[in-house]
PDB file of N, CA and C in Angstrom:
ATOM      1  N   MET A   1     177.027  98.949 121.095  1.00  0.00           N
ATOM      2  CA  MET A   1     177.113 100.367 120.828  1.00  0.00           C
ATOM      3  C   MET A   1     178.594 100.739 120.750  1.00  0.00           C
ATOM      4  N   THR A   2     178.943 101.440 119.687  1.00  0.00           N
ATOM      5  CA  THR A   2     180.339 101.845 119.533  1.00  0.00           C
ATOM      6  C   THR A   2     180.691 102.939 120.535  1.00  0.00           C
ATOM      7  N   ARG A   3     181.984 103.124 120.729  1.00  0.00           N
ATOM      8  CA  ARG A   3     182.453 104.163 121.659  1.00  0.00           C
ATOM      9  C   ARG A   3     181.984 105.539 121.207  1.00  0.00           C
ATOM     10  N   THR A   4     182.039 105.806 119.903  1.00  0.00           N
ATOM     11  CA  THR A   4     181.624 107.097 119.367  1.00  0.00           C
ATOM     12  C   THR A   4     180.127 107.306 119.568  1.00  0.00           C
ATOM     13  N   ALA A   5     179.331 106.284 119.314  1.00  0.00           N
ATOM     14  CA  ALA A   5     177.887 106.392 119.516  1.00  0.00           C
ATOM     15  C   ALA A   5     177.562 106.609 120.987  1.00  0.00           C
ATOM     16  N   PHE A   6     178.292 105.908 121.863  1.00  0.00           N
ATOM     17  CA  PHE A   6     178.074 106.087 123.302  1.00  0.00           C
ATOM     18  C   PHE A   6     178.428 107.506 123.724  1.00  0.00           C
ATOM     19  N   LEU A   7     179.543 108.019 123.215  1.00  0.00           N
ATOM     20  CA  LEU A   7     179.952 109.374 123.547  1.00  0.00           C
ATOM     21  C   LEU A   7     178.927 110.385 123.037  1.00  0.00           C
ATOM     22  N   ALA A   8     178.451 110.193 121.829  1.00  0.00           N
ATOM     23  CA  ALA A   8     177.454 111.100 121.266  1.00  0.00           C
ATOM     24  C   ALA A   8     176.179 111.091 122.102  1.00  0.00           C
ATOM     25  N   LEU A   9     175.738 109.906 122.489  1.00  0.00           N
ATOM     26  CA  LEU A   9     174.544 109.797 123.322  1.00  0.00           C
ATOM     27  C   LEU A   9     174.777 110.456 124.673  1.00  0.00           C
ATOM     28  N   SER A  10     175.938 110.243 125.262  1.00  0.00           N
ATOM     29  CA  SER A  10     176.263 110.849 126.554  1.00  0.00           C
ATOM     30  C   SER A  10     176.259 112.365 126.473  1.00  0.00           C
ATOM     31  N   LEU A  11     176.854 112.919 125.411  1.00  0.00           N
ATOM     32  CA  LEU A  11     176.883 114.367 125.244  1.00  0.00           C
ATOM     33  C   LEU A  11     175.479 114.933 125.065  1.00  0.00           C
ATOM     34  N   THR A  12     174.655 114.246 124.298  1.00  0.00           N
ATOM     35  CA  THR A  12     173.288 114.701 124.086  1.00  0.00           C
ATOM     36  C   THR A  12     172.503 114.680 125.387  1.00  0.00           C
ATOM     37  N   LEU A  13     172.638 113.608 126.149  1.00  0.00           N
ATOM     38  CA  LEU A  13     171.928 113.509 127.424  1.00  0.00           C
ATOM     39  C   LEU A  13     172.423 114.553 128.422  1.00  0.00           C
ATOM     40  N   ALA A  14     173.718 114.800 128.443  1.00  0.00           N
ATOM     41  CA  ALA A  14     174.268 115.814 129.347  1.00  0.00           C
ATOM     42  C   ALA A  14     173.733 117.192 128.996  1.00  0.00           C
ATOM     43  N   ALA A  15     173.642 117.491 127.713  1.00  0.00           N
ATOM     44  CA  ALA A  15     173.116 118.787 127.294  1.00  0.00           C
ATOM     45  C   ALA A  15     171.643 118.921 127.657  1.00  0.00           C
ATOM     46  N   ALA A  16     170.887 117.860 127.454  1.00  0.00           N
ATOM     47  CA  ALA A  16     169.467 117.896 127.804  1.00  0.00           C
ATOM     48  C   ALA A  16     169.272 118.038 129.305  1.00  0.00           C
ATOM     49  N   ALA A  17     170.086 117.353 130.076  1.00  0.00           N
ATOM     50  CA  ALA A  17     169.984 117.426 131.538  1.00  0.00           C
ATOM     51  C   ALA A  17     170.353 118.810 132.058  1.00  0.00           C
ATOM     52  N   ALA A  18     171.159 119.536 131.319  1.00  0.00           N
ATOM     53  CA  ALA A  18     171.571 120.872 131.742  1.00  0.00           C
ATOM     54  C   ALA A  18     170.496 121.915 131.457  1.00  0.00           C
ATOM     55  N   GLY A  19     169.341 121.471 130.997  1.00  0.00           N
ATOM     56  CA  GLY A  19     168.264 122.413 130.721  1.00  0.00           C
ATOM     57  C   GLY A  19     168.559 123.250 129.495  1.00  0.00           C
ATOM     58  N   ALA A  20     168.715 122.595 128.388  1.00  0.00           N
ATOM     59  CA  ALA A  20     169.170 123.237 127.161  1.00  0.00           C
ATOM     60  C   ALA A  20     168.124 124.183 126.578  1.00  0.00           C
ATOM     61  N   GLN A  21     167.772 125.194 127.336  1.00  0.00           N
ATOM     62  CA  GLN A  21     166.881 126.218 126.826  1.00  0.00           C
ATOM     63  C   GLN A  21     167.699 127.178 125.977  1.00  0.00           C
ATOM     64  N   ALA A  22     167.031 127.832 125.049  1.00  0.00           N
ATOM     65  CA  ALA A  22     167.729 128.787 124.205  1.00  0.00           C
ATOM     66  C   ALA A  22     168.203 129.965 125.055  1.00  0.00           C
ATOM     67  N   PRO A  23     169.513 130.214 125.061  1.00  0.00           N
ATOM     68  CA  PRO A  23     170.046 131.326 125.846  1.00  0.00           C
ATOM     69  C   PRO A  23     169.782 132.652 125.144  1.00  0.00           C
ATOM     70  N   ALA A  24     169.983 133.723 125.871  1.00  0.00           N
ATOM     71  CA  ALA A  24     169.883 135.044 125.263  1.00  0.00           C
ATOM     72  C   ALA A  24     170.965 135.170 124.197  1.00  0.00           C
ATOM     73  N   ALA A  25     170.627 135.831 123.122  1.00  0.00           N
ATOM     74  CA  ALA A  25     171.603 136.029 122.044  1.00  0.00           C
ATOM     75  C   ALA A  25     172.741 136.908 122.537  1.00  0.00           C
ATOM     76  N   PRO A  26     173.964 136.640 122.087  1.00  0.00           N
ATOM     77  CA  PRO A  26     175.075 137.500 122.472  1.00  0.00           C
ATOM     78  C   PRO A  26     174.884 138.901 121.896  1.00  0.00           C
ATOM     79  N   THR A  27     175.581 139.857 122.464  1.00  0.00           N
ATOM     80  CA  THR A  27     175.523 141.224 121.941  1.00  0.00           C
ATOM     81  C   THR A  27     176.011 141.228 120.499  1.00  0.00           C
ATOM     82  N   PRO A  28     175.668 142.262 119.740  1.00  0.00           N
ATOM     83  CA  PRO A  28     176.176 142.325 118.357  1.00  0.00           C
ATOM     84  C   PRO A  28     177.706 142.267 118.287  1.00  0.00           C
ATOM     85  N   GLU A  29     178.384 142.914 119.233  1.00  0.00           N
ATOM     86  CA  GLU A  29     179.853 142.881 119.237  1.00  0.00           C
ATOM     87  C   GLU A  29     180.368 141.463 119.496  1.00  0.00           C
ATOM     88  N   ARG A  30     179.780 140.790 120.489  1.00  0.00           N
ATOM     89  CA  ARG A  30     180.223 139.423 120.795  1.00  0.00           C
ATOM     90  C   ARG A  30     179.851 138.479 119.654  1.00  0.00           C
ATOM     91  N   SER A  31     178.685 138.679 119.048  1.00  0.00           N
ATOM     92  CA  SER A  31     178.291 137.847 117.902  1.00  0.00           C
ATOM     93  C   SER A  31     179.334 137.942 116.795  1.00  0.00           C
ATOM     94  N   ALA A  32     179.797 139.166 116.514  1.00  0.00           N
ATOM     95  CA  ALA A  32     180.826 139.348 115.477  1.00  0.00           C
ATOM     96  C   ALA A  32     182.110 138.623 115.861  1.00  0.00           C
ATOM     97  N   GLN A  33     182.474 138.676 117.150  1.00  0.00           N
ATOM     98  CA  GLN A  33     183.671 137.973 117.615  1.00  0.00           C
ATOM     99  C   GLN A  33     183.503 136.465 117.448  1.00  0.00           C
ATOM    100  N   LEU A  34     182.320 135.948 117.769  1.00  0.00           N
ATOM    101  CA  LEU A  34     182.074 134.509 117.656  1.00  0.00           C
ATOM    102  C   LEU A  34     182.092 134.056 116.202  1.00  0.00           C
ATOM    103  N   VAL A  35     181.500 134.854 115.327  1.00  0.00           N
ATOM    104  CA  VAL A  35     181.518 134.514 113.897  1.00  0.00           C
ATOM    105  C   VAL A  35     182.958 134.470 113.407  1.00  0.00           C
ATOM    106  N   ARG A  36     183.750 135.465 113.792  1.00  0.00           N
ATOM    107  CA  ARG A  36     185.161 135.483 113.378  1.00  0.00           C
ATOM    108  C   ARG A  36     185.903 134.269 113.933  1.00  0.00           C
ATOM    109  N   MET A  37     185.646 133.932 115.201  1.00  0.00           N
ATOM    110  CA  MET A  37     186.311 132.790 115.811  1.00  0.00           C
ATOM    111  C   MET A  37     185.985 131.500 115.054  1.00  0.00           C
ATOM    112  N   VAL A  38     184.715 131.302 114.750  1.00  0.00           N
ATOM    113  CA  VAL A  38     184.325 130.086 114.036  1.00  0.00           C
ATOM    114  C   VAL A  38     184.956 130.069 112.652  1.00  0.00           C
ATOM    115  N   ARG A  39     184.864 131.173 111.945  1.00  0.00           N
ATOM    116  CA  ARG A  39     185.423 131.223 110.587  1.00  0.00           C
ATOM    117  C   ARG A  39     186.930 131.002 110.596  1.00  0.00           C
ATOM    118  N   GLN A  40     187.635 131.565 111.565  1.00  0.00           N
ATOM    119  CA  GLN A  40     189.092 131.464 111.591  1.00  0.00           C
ATOM    120  C   GLN A  40     189.574 130.209 112.319  1.00  0.00           C
ATOM    121  N   ASP A  41     189.193 130.066 113.583  1.00  0.00           N
ATOM    122  CA  ASP A  41     189.712 128.964 114.396  1.00  0.00           C
ATOM    123  C   ASP A  41     189.109 127.621 113.997  1.00  0.00           C
ATOM    124  N   CYS A  42     187.797 127.563 113.924  1.00  0.00           N
ATOM    125  CA  CYS A  42     187.165 126.298 113.523  1.00  0.00           C
ATOM    126  C   CYS A  42     187.466 125.998 112.053  1.00  0.00           C
ATOM    127  N   GLY A  43     187.517 127.081 111.262  1.00  0.00           N
ATOM    128  CA  GLY A  43     187.803 126.926 109.838  1.00  0.00           C
ATOM    129  C   GLY A  43     189.159 126.326 109.550  1.00  0.00           C
ATOM    130  N   SER A  44     190.089 126.453 110.496  1.00  0.00           N
ATOM    131  CA  SER A  44     191.412 125.875 110.257  1.00  0.00           C
ATOM    132  C   SER A  44     191.346 124.354 110.145  1.00  0.00           C
ATOM    133  N   CYS A  45     190.374 123.726 110.763  1.00  0.00           N
ATOM    134  CA  CYS A  45     190.192 122.267 110.635  1.00  0.00           C
ATOM    135  C   CYS A  45     188.980 121.897 109.774  1.00  0.00           C
ATOM    136  N   HIS A  46     187.926 122.684 109.894  1.00  0.00           N
ATOM    137  CA  HIS A  46     186.674 122.351 109.207  1.00  0.00           C
ATOM    138  C   HIS A  46     186.558 123.026 107.843  1.00  0.00           C
ATOM    139  N   GLY A  47     187.623 123.689 107.407  1.00  0.00           N
ATOM    140  CA  GLY A  47     187.618 124.383 106.123  1.00  0.00           C
ATOM    141  C   GLY A  47     187.159 125.822 106.291  1.00  0.00           C
ATOM    142  N   MET A  48     187.788 126.730 105.583  1.00  0.00           N
ATOM    143  CA  MET A  48     187.474 128.152 105.740  1.00  0.00           C
ATOM    144  C   MET A  48     186.030 128.473 105.366  1.00  0.00           C
ATOM    145  N   GLN A  49     185.420 127.655 104.542  1.00  0.00           N
ATOM    146  CA  GLN A  49     184.004 127.821 104.214  1.00  0.00           C
ATOM    147  C   GLN A  49     183.150 126.820 104.996  1.00  0.00           C
ATOM    148  N   LEU A  50     183.787 126.136 105.957  1.00  0.00           N
ATOM    149  CA  LEU A  50     183.140 125.136 106.818  1.00  0.00           C
ATOM    150  C   LEU A  50     182.588 123.955 106.033  1.00  0.00           C
ATOM    151  N   THR A  51     183.204 123.680 104.885  1.00  0.00           N
ATOM    152  CA  THR A  51     182.752 122.578 104.042  1.00  0.00           C
ATOM    153  C   THR A  51     183.553 121.301 104.258  1.00  0.00           C
ATOM    154  N   GLY A  52     184.430 121.305 105.256  1.00  0.00           N
ATOM    155  CA  GLY A  52     185.185 120.116 105.610  1.00  0.00           C
ATOM    156  C   GLY A  52     186.659 120.262 105.303  1.00  0.00           C
ATOM    157  N   GLY A  53     187.439 119.508 106.016  1.00  0.00           N
ATOM    158  CA  GLY A  53     188.893 119.489 105.884  1.00  0.00           C
ATOM    159  C   GLY A  53     189.378 118.363 106.767  1.00  0.00           C
ATOM    160  N   LEU A  54     190.251 118.669 107.730  1.00  0.00           N
ATOM    161  CA  LEU A  54     190.639 117.674 108.727  1.00  0.00           C
ATOM    162  C   LEU A  54     189.395 117.234 109.507  1.00  0.00           C
ATOM    163  N   GLY A  55     188.561 118.204 109.844  1.00  0.00           N
ATOM    164  CA  GLY A  55     187.285 117.921 110.519  1.00  0.00           C
ATOM    165  C   GLY A  55     186.157 117.861 109.504  1.00  0.00           C
ATOM    166  N   PRO A  56     185.005 117.341 109.919  1.00  0.00           N
ATOM    167  CA  PRO A  56     183.875 117.217 108.993  1.00  0.00           C
ATOM    168  C   PRO A  56     183.279 118.574 108.622  1.00  0.00           C
ATOM    169  N   ALA A  57     182.476 118.581 107.587  1.00  0.00           N
ATOM    170  CA  ALA A  57     181.770 119.788 107.158  1.00  0.00           C
ATOM    171  C   ALA A  57     180.824 120.260 108.267  1.00  0.00           C
ATOM    172  N   LEU A  58     180.702 121.576 108.387  1.00  0.00           N
ATOM    173  CA  LEU A  58     179.791 122.173 109.356  1.00  0.00           C
ATOM    174  C   LEU A  58     178.687 122.958 108.648  1.00  0.00           C
ATOM    175  N   THR A  59     178.314 122.483 107.479  1.00  0.00           N
ATOM    176  CA  THR A  59     177.258 123.141 106.720  1.00  0.00           C
ATOM    177  C   THR A  59     175.891 122.728 107.267  1.00  0.00           C
ATOM    178  N   ARG A  60     174.894 123.520 106.932  1.00  0.00           N
ATOM    179  CA  ARG A  60     173.518 123.216 107.348  1.00  0.00           C
ATOM    180  C   ARG A  60     173.128 121.805 106.916  1.00  0.00           C
ATOM    181  N   GLU A  61     173.480 121.434 105.705  1.00  0.00           N
ATOM    182  CA  GLU A  61     173.112 120.115 105.183  1.00  0.00           C
ATOM    183  C   GLU A  61     173.824 119.000 105.959  1.00  0.00           C
ATOM    184  N   ALA A  62     175.096 119.199 106.258  1.00  0.00           N
ATOM    185  CA  ALA A  62     175.870 118.171 106.958  1.00  0.00           C
ATOM    186  C   ALA A  62     175.404 117.993 108.399  1.00  0.00           C
ATOM    187  N   LEU A  63     174.837 119.039 108.991  1.00  0.00           N
ATOM    188  CA  LEU A  63     174.428 118.992 110.394  1.00  0.00           C
ATOM    189  C   LEU A  63     172.926 118.808 110.579  1.00  0.00           C
ATOM    190  N   ALA A  64     172.202 118.578 109.499  1.00  0.00           N
ATOM    191  CA  ALA A  64     170.740 118.533 109.551  1.00  0.00           C
ATOM    192  C   ALA A  64     170.192 117.536 110.575  1.00  0.00           C
ATOM    193  N   ALA A  65     170.854 116.416 110.777  1.00  0.00           N
ATOM    194  CA  ALA A  65     170.329 115.385 111.691  1.00  0.00           C
ATOM    195  C   ALA A  65     170.872 115.522 113.115  1.00  0.00           C
ATOM    196  N   LYS A  66     171.631 116.569 113.372  1.00  0.00           N
ATOM    197  CA  LYS A  66     172.245 116.727 114.700  1.00  0.00           C
ATOM    198  C   LYS A  66     171.586 117.888 115.432  1.00  0.00           C
ATOM    199  N   PRO A  67     170.967 117.618 116.583  1.00  0.00           N
ATOM    200  CA  PRO A  67     170.296 118.700 117.315  1.00  0.00           C
ATOM    201  C   PRO A  67     171.295 119.708 117.875  1.00  0.00           C
ATOM    202  N   PRO A  68     170.881 120.974 118.017  1.00  0.00           N
ATOM    203  CA  PRO A  68     171.777 122.003 118.553  1.00  0.00           C
ATOM    204  C   PRO A  68     172.366 121.641 119.920  1.00  0.00           C
ATOM    205  N   GLU A  69     171.625 120.921 120.747  1.00  0.00           N
ATOM    206  CA  GLU A  69     172.138 120.522 122.062  1.00  0.00           C
ATOM    207  C   GLU A  69     173.360 119.615 121.913  1.00  0.00           C
ATOM    208  N   TYR A  70     173.297 118.723 120.962  1.00  0.00           N
ATOM    209  CA  TYR A  70     174.408 117.812 120.690  1.00  0.00           C
ATOM    210  C   TYR A  70     175.620 118.596 120.188  1.00  0.00           C
ATOM    211  N   LEU A  71     175.390 119.499 119.226  1.00  0.00           N
ATOM    212  CA  LEU A  71     176.487 120.297 118.679  1.00  0.00           C
ATOM    213  C   LEU A  71     177.103 121.175 119.760  1.00  0.00           C
ATOM    214  N   ALA A  72     176.275 121.790 120.599  1.00  0.00           N
ATOM    215  CA  ALA A  72     176.784 122.642 121.679  1.00  0.00           C
ATOM    216  C   ALA A  72     177.627 121.834 122.660  1.00  0.00           C
ATOM    217  N   ALA A  73     177.218 120.602 122.938  1.00  0.00           N
ATOM    218  CA  ALA A  73     177.990 119.748 123.845  1.00  0.00           C
ATOM    219  C   ALA A  73     179.352 119.409 123.244  1.00  0.00           C
ATOM    220  N   ILE A  74     179.397 119.150 121.947  1.00  0.00           N
ATOM    221  CA  ILE A  74     180.677 118.863 121.295  1.00  0.00           C
ATOM    222  C   ILE A  74     181.556 120.112 121.295  1.00  0.00           C
ATOM    223  N   ILE A  75     180.977 121.267 121.005  1.00  0.00           N
ATOM    224  CA  ILE A  75     181.746 122.515 121.023  1.00  0.00           C
ATOM    225  C   ILE A  75     182.323 122.731 122.422  1.00  0.00           C
ATOM    226  N   THR A  76     181.523 122.518 123.429  1.00  0.00           N
ATOM    227  CA  THR A  76     181.935 122.767 124.807  1.00  0.00           C
ATOM    228  C   THR A  76     182.970 121.761 125.293  1.00  0.00           C
ATOM    229  N   HIS A  77     182.725 120.472 125.048  1.00  0.00           N
ATOM    230  CA  HIS A  77     183.545 119.413 125.639  1.00  0.00           C
ATOM    231  C   HIS A  77     184.543 118.768 124.681  1.00  0.00           C
ATOM    232  N   GLY A  78     184.455 119.063 123.378  1.00  0.00           N
ATOM    233  CA  GLY A  78     185.324 118.424 122.410  1.00  0.00           C
ATOM    234  C   GLY A  78     184.925 116.974 122.201  1.00  0.00           C
ATOM    235  N   LEU A  79     185.714 116.261 121.430  1.00  0.00           N
ATOM    236  CA  LEU A  79     185.508 114.829 121.193  1.00  0.00           C
ATOM    237  C   LEU A  79     186.803 114.108 121.530  1.00  0.00           C
ATOM    238  N   PRO A  80     186.853 113.472 122.696  1.00  0.00           N
ATOM    239  CA  PRO A  80     188.073 112.746 123.075  1.00  0.00           C
ATOM    240  C   PRO A  80     188.478 111.727 122.004  1.00  0.00           C
ATOM    241  N   GLY A  81     189.771 111.617 121.794  1.00  0.00           N
ATOM    242  CA  GLY A  81     190.282 110.679 120.801  1.00  0.00           C
ATOM    243  C   GLY A  81     190.272 111.229 119.389  1.00  0.00           C
ATOM    244  N   THR A  82     189.850 112.492 119.230  1.00  0.00           N
ATOM    245  CA  THR A  82     189.852 113.144 117.919  1.00  0.00           C
ATOM    246  C   THR A  82     190.570 114.485 118.069  1.00  0.00           C
ATOM    247  N   PRO A  83     190.854 115.169 116.958  1.00  0.00           N
ATOM    248  CA  PRO A  83     191.477 116.491 117.063  1.00  0.00           C
ATOM    249  C   PRO A  83     190.528 117.585 117.584  1.00  0.00           C
ATOM    250  N   MET A  84     189.239 117.271 117.773  1.00  0.00           N
ATOM    251  CA  MET A  84     188.277 118.288 118.216  1.00  0.00           C
ATOM    252  C   MET A  84     188.493 118.618 119.688  1.00  0.00           C
ATOM    253  N   PRO A  85     188.988 119.862 119.966  1.00  0.00           N
ATOM    254  CA  PRO A  85     189.257 120.239 121.358  1.00  0.00           C
ATOM    255  C   PRO A  85     188.004 120.784 122.045  1.00  0.00           C
ATOM    256  N   PRO A  86     188.024 120.829 123.366  1.00  0.00           N
ATOM    257  CA  PRO A  86     186.940 121.519 124.078  1.00  0.00           C
ATOM    258  C   PRO A  86     187.164 123.027 124.000  1.00  0.00           C
ATOM    259  N   TRP A  87     186.089 123.786 123.839  1.00  0.00           N
ATOM    260  CA  TRP A  87     186.183 125.238 123.765  1.00  0.00           C
ATOM    261  C   TRP A  87     185.617 125.893 125.024  1.00  0.00           C
ATOM    262  N   SER A  88     185.414 125.124 126.077  1.00  0.00           N
ATOM    263  CA  SER A  88     184.791 125.646 127.294  1.00  0.00           C
ATOM    264  C   SER A  88     185.602 126.746 127.964  1.00  0.00           C
ATOM    265  N   ALA A  89     186.898 126.818 127.728  1.00  0.00           N
ATOM    266  CA  ALA A  89     187.714 127.871 128.327  1.00  0.00           C
ATOM    267  C   ALA A  89     187.473 129.224 127.660  1.00  0.00           C
ATOM    268  N   LEU A  90     186.958 129.213 126.436  1.00  0.00           N
ATOM    269  CA  LEU A  90     186.761 130.458 125.689  1.00  0.00           C
ATOM    270  C   LEU A  90     185.303 130.824 125.471  1.00  0.00           C
ATOM    271  N   LEU A  91     184.398 129.871 125.711  1.00  0.00           N
ATOM    272  CA  LEU A  91     182.983 130.089 125.426  1.00  0.00           C
ATOM    273  C   LEU A  91     182.123 129.749 126.627  1.00  0.00           C
ATOM    274  N   THR A  92     181.058 130.504 126.813  1.00  0.00           N
ATOM    275  CA  THR A  92     180.062 130.139 127.811  1.00  0.00           C
ATOM    276  C   THR A  92     179.168 129.060 127.189  1.00  0.00           C
ATOM    277  N   PRO A  93     178.425 128.329 128.003  1.00  0.00           N
ATOM    278  CA  PRO A  93     177.483 127.363 127.425  1.00  0.00           C
ATOM    279  C   PRO A  93     176.476 128.030 126.477  1.00  0.00           C
ATOM    280  N   GLY A  94     176.043 129.229 126.823  1.00  0.00           N
ATOM    281  CA  GLY A  94     175.115 129.952 125.944  1.00  0.00           C
ATOM    282  C   GLY A  94     175.733 130.309 124.608  1.00  0.00           C
ATOM    283  N   GLU A  95     177.007 130.682 124.616  1.00  0.00           N
ATOM    284  CA  GLU A  95     177.692 130.998 123.364  1.00  0.00           C
ATOM    285  C   GLU A  95     177.881 129.746 122.514  1.00  0.00           C
ATOM    286  N   ALA A  96     178.192 128.626 123.145  1.00  0.00           N
ATOM    287  CA  ALA A  96     178.318 127.364 122.407  1.00  0.00           C
ATOM    288  C   ALA A  96     176.983 127.002 121.763  1.00  0.00           C
ATOM    289  N   ARG A  97     175.907 127.205 122.495  1.00  0.00           N
ATOM    290  CA  ARG A  97     174.564 126.917 121.961  1.00  0.00           C
ATOM    291  C   ARG A  97     174.247 127.862 120.798  1.00  0.00           C
ATOM    292  N   TRP A  98     174.603 129.149 120.948  1.00  0.00           N
ATOM    293  CA  TRP A  98     174.354 130.127 119.881  1.00  0.00           C
ATOM    294  C   TRP A  98     175.103 129.713 118.610  1.00  0.00           C
ATOM    295  N   ILE A  99     176.366 129.320 118.760  1.00  0.00           N
ATOM    296  CA  ILE A  99     177.156 128.864 117.606  1.00  0.00           C
ATOM    297  C   ILE A  99     176.485 127.648 116.974  1.00  0.00           C
ATOM    298  N   ALA A 100     176.059 126.689 117.802  1.00  0.00           N
ATOM    299  CA  ALA A 100     175.401 125.485 117.284  1.00  0.00           C
ATOM    300  C   ALA A 100     174.146 125.846 116.497  1.00  0.00           C
ATOM    301  N   GLU A 101     173.365 126.766 117.011  1.00  0.00           N
ATOM    302  CA  GLU A 101     172.147 127.177 116.308  1.00  0.00           C
ATOM    303  C   GLU A 101     172.472 127.888 115.001  1.00  0.00           C
ATOM    304  N   GLN A 102     173.517 128.720 115.014  1.00  0.00           N
ATOM    305  CA  GLN A 102     173.932 129.395 113.782  1.00  0.00           C
ATOM    306  C   GLN A 102     174.406 128.384 112.745  1.00  0.00           C
ATOM    307  N   LEU A 103     175.166 127.384 113.182  1.00  0.00           N
ATOM    308  CA  LEU A 103     175.615 126.339 112.255  1.00  0.00           C
ATOM    309  C   LEU A 103     174.419 125.591 111.670  1.00  0.00           C
ATOM    310  N   ALA A 104     173.447 125.266 112.512  1.00  0.00           N
ATOM    311  CA  ALA A 104     172.268 124.526 112.052  1.00  0.00           C
ATOM    312  C   ALA A 104     171.445 125.333 111.051  1.00  0.00           C
ATOM    313  N   ASN A 105     171.530 126.657 111.143  1.00  0.00           N
ATOM    314  CA  ASN A 105     170.756 127.522 110.245  1.00  0.00           C
ATOM    315  C   ASN A 105     171.555 128.014 109.040  1.00  0.00           C
ATOM    316  N   GLY A 106     172.814 127.633 108.959  1.00  0.00           N
ATOM    317  CA  GLY A 106     173.682 128.130 107.891  1.00  0.00           C
ATOM    318  C   GLY A 106     174.499 129.276 108.442  1.00  0.00           C
ATOM    319  N   PHE A 107     175.746 129.044 108.735  1.00  0.00           N
ATOM    320  CA  PHE A 107     176.555 130.005 109.477  1.00  0.00           C
ATOM    321  C   PHE A 107     176.756 131.290 108.700  1.00  0.00           C
ATOM    322  N   PRO A 108     176.632 132.443 109.389  1.00  0.00           N
ATOM    323  CA  PRO A 108     176.790 133.732 108.691  1.00  0.00           C
ATOM    324  C   PRO A 108     178.226 133.995 108.269  1.00  0.00           C
ATOM    325  N   GLU A 109     178.354 134.815 107.262  1.00  0.00           N
ATOM    326  CA  GLU A 109     179.677 135.250 106.816  1.00  0.00           C
ATOM    327  C   GLU A 109     180.230 136.242 107.826  1.00  0.00           C
ATOM    328  N   GLU A 110     181.541 136.329 107.877  1.00  0.00           N
ATOM    329  CA  GLU A 110     182.202 137.304 108.743  1.00  0.00           C
ATOM    330  C   GLU A 110     181.992 138.696 108.167  1.00  0.00           C
ATOM    331  N   ALA A 111     181.576 139.629 109.016  1.00  0.00           N
ATOM    332  CA  ALA A 111     181.385 141.014 108.570  1.00  0.00           C
ATOM    333  C   ALA A 111     182.741 141.622 108.261  1.00  0.00           C
ATOM    334  N   ARG A 112     182.832 142.283 107.163  1.00  0.00           N
ATOM    335  CA  ARG A 112     184.073 142.953 106.760  1.00  0.00           C
ATOM    336  C   ARG A 112     183.941 144.441 107.067  1.00  0.00           C
ATOM    337  N   LYS A 113     184.978 144.998 107.676  1.00  0.00           N
ATOM    338  CA  LYS A 113     184.962 146.435 107.979  1.00  0.00           C
ATOM    339  C   LYS A 113     185.160 147.217 106.688  1.00  0.00           C
ATOM    340  N   GLN A 114     184.351 148.237 106.551  1.00  0.00           N
ATOM    341  CA  GLN A 114     184.469 149.125 105.391  1.00  0.00           C
ATOM    342  C   GLN A 114     185.613 150.097 105.652  1.00  0.00           C
ATOM    343  N   THR A 115     186.508 150.245 104.706  1.00  0.00           N
ATOM    344  CA  THR A 115     187.586 151.224 104.861  1.00  0.00           C
ATOM    345  C   THR A 115     187.423 152.293 103.794  1.00  0.00           C
ATOM    346  N   ARG A 116     187.490 153.513 104.215  1.00  0.00           N
ATOM    347  CA  ARG A 116     187.368 154.629 103.275  1.00  0.00           C
ATOM    348  C   ARG A 116     188.310 155.702 103.646  1.00  0.00           C
TER     349      ARG A 116
END
């Protein structure tokens, strides 16, 4: 088993052991903040449209074989030995899971404020 495969399996098992039930959805305000964070911060490596760049694509098609628990664990803990940092200082486990589920379903566009 390669180091990457072992790490992926470990992250998946850790997420499952943590009782990876679907958390309550964030408030609409926090959801907007999370969407902006993913589009801006994650987009700096994964591409502004999340279609890939330094990091892999985060499109629904690219993530189809990866369960939300696995994605949430990577968001939370990062991937050692890669540029993927842990986001646990800025996100709760529930928020990481919400982001993972949104990615798996096709991530929403950032809401634009109407100016008049």
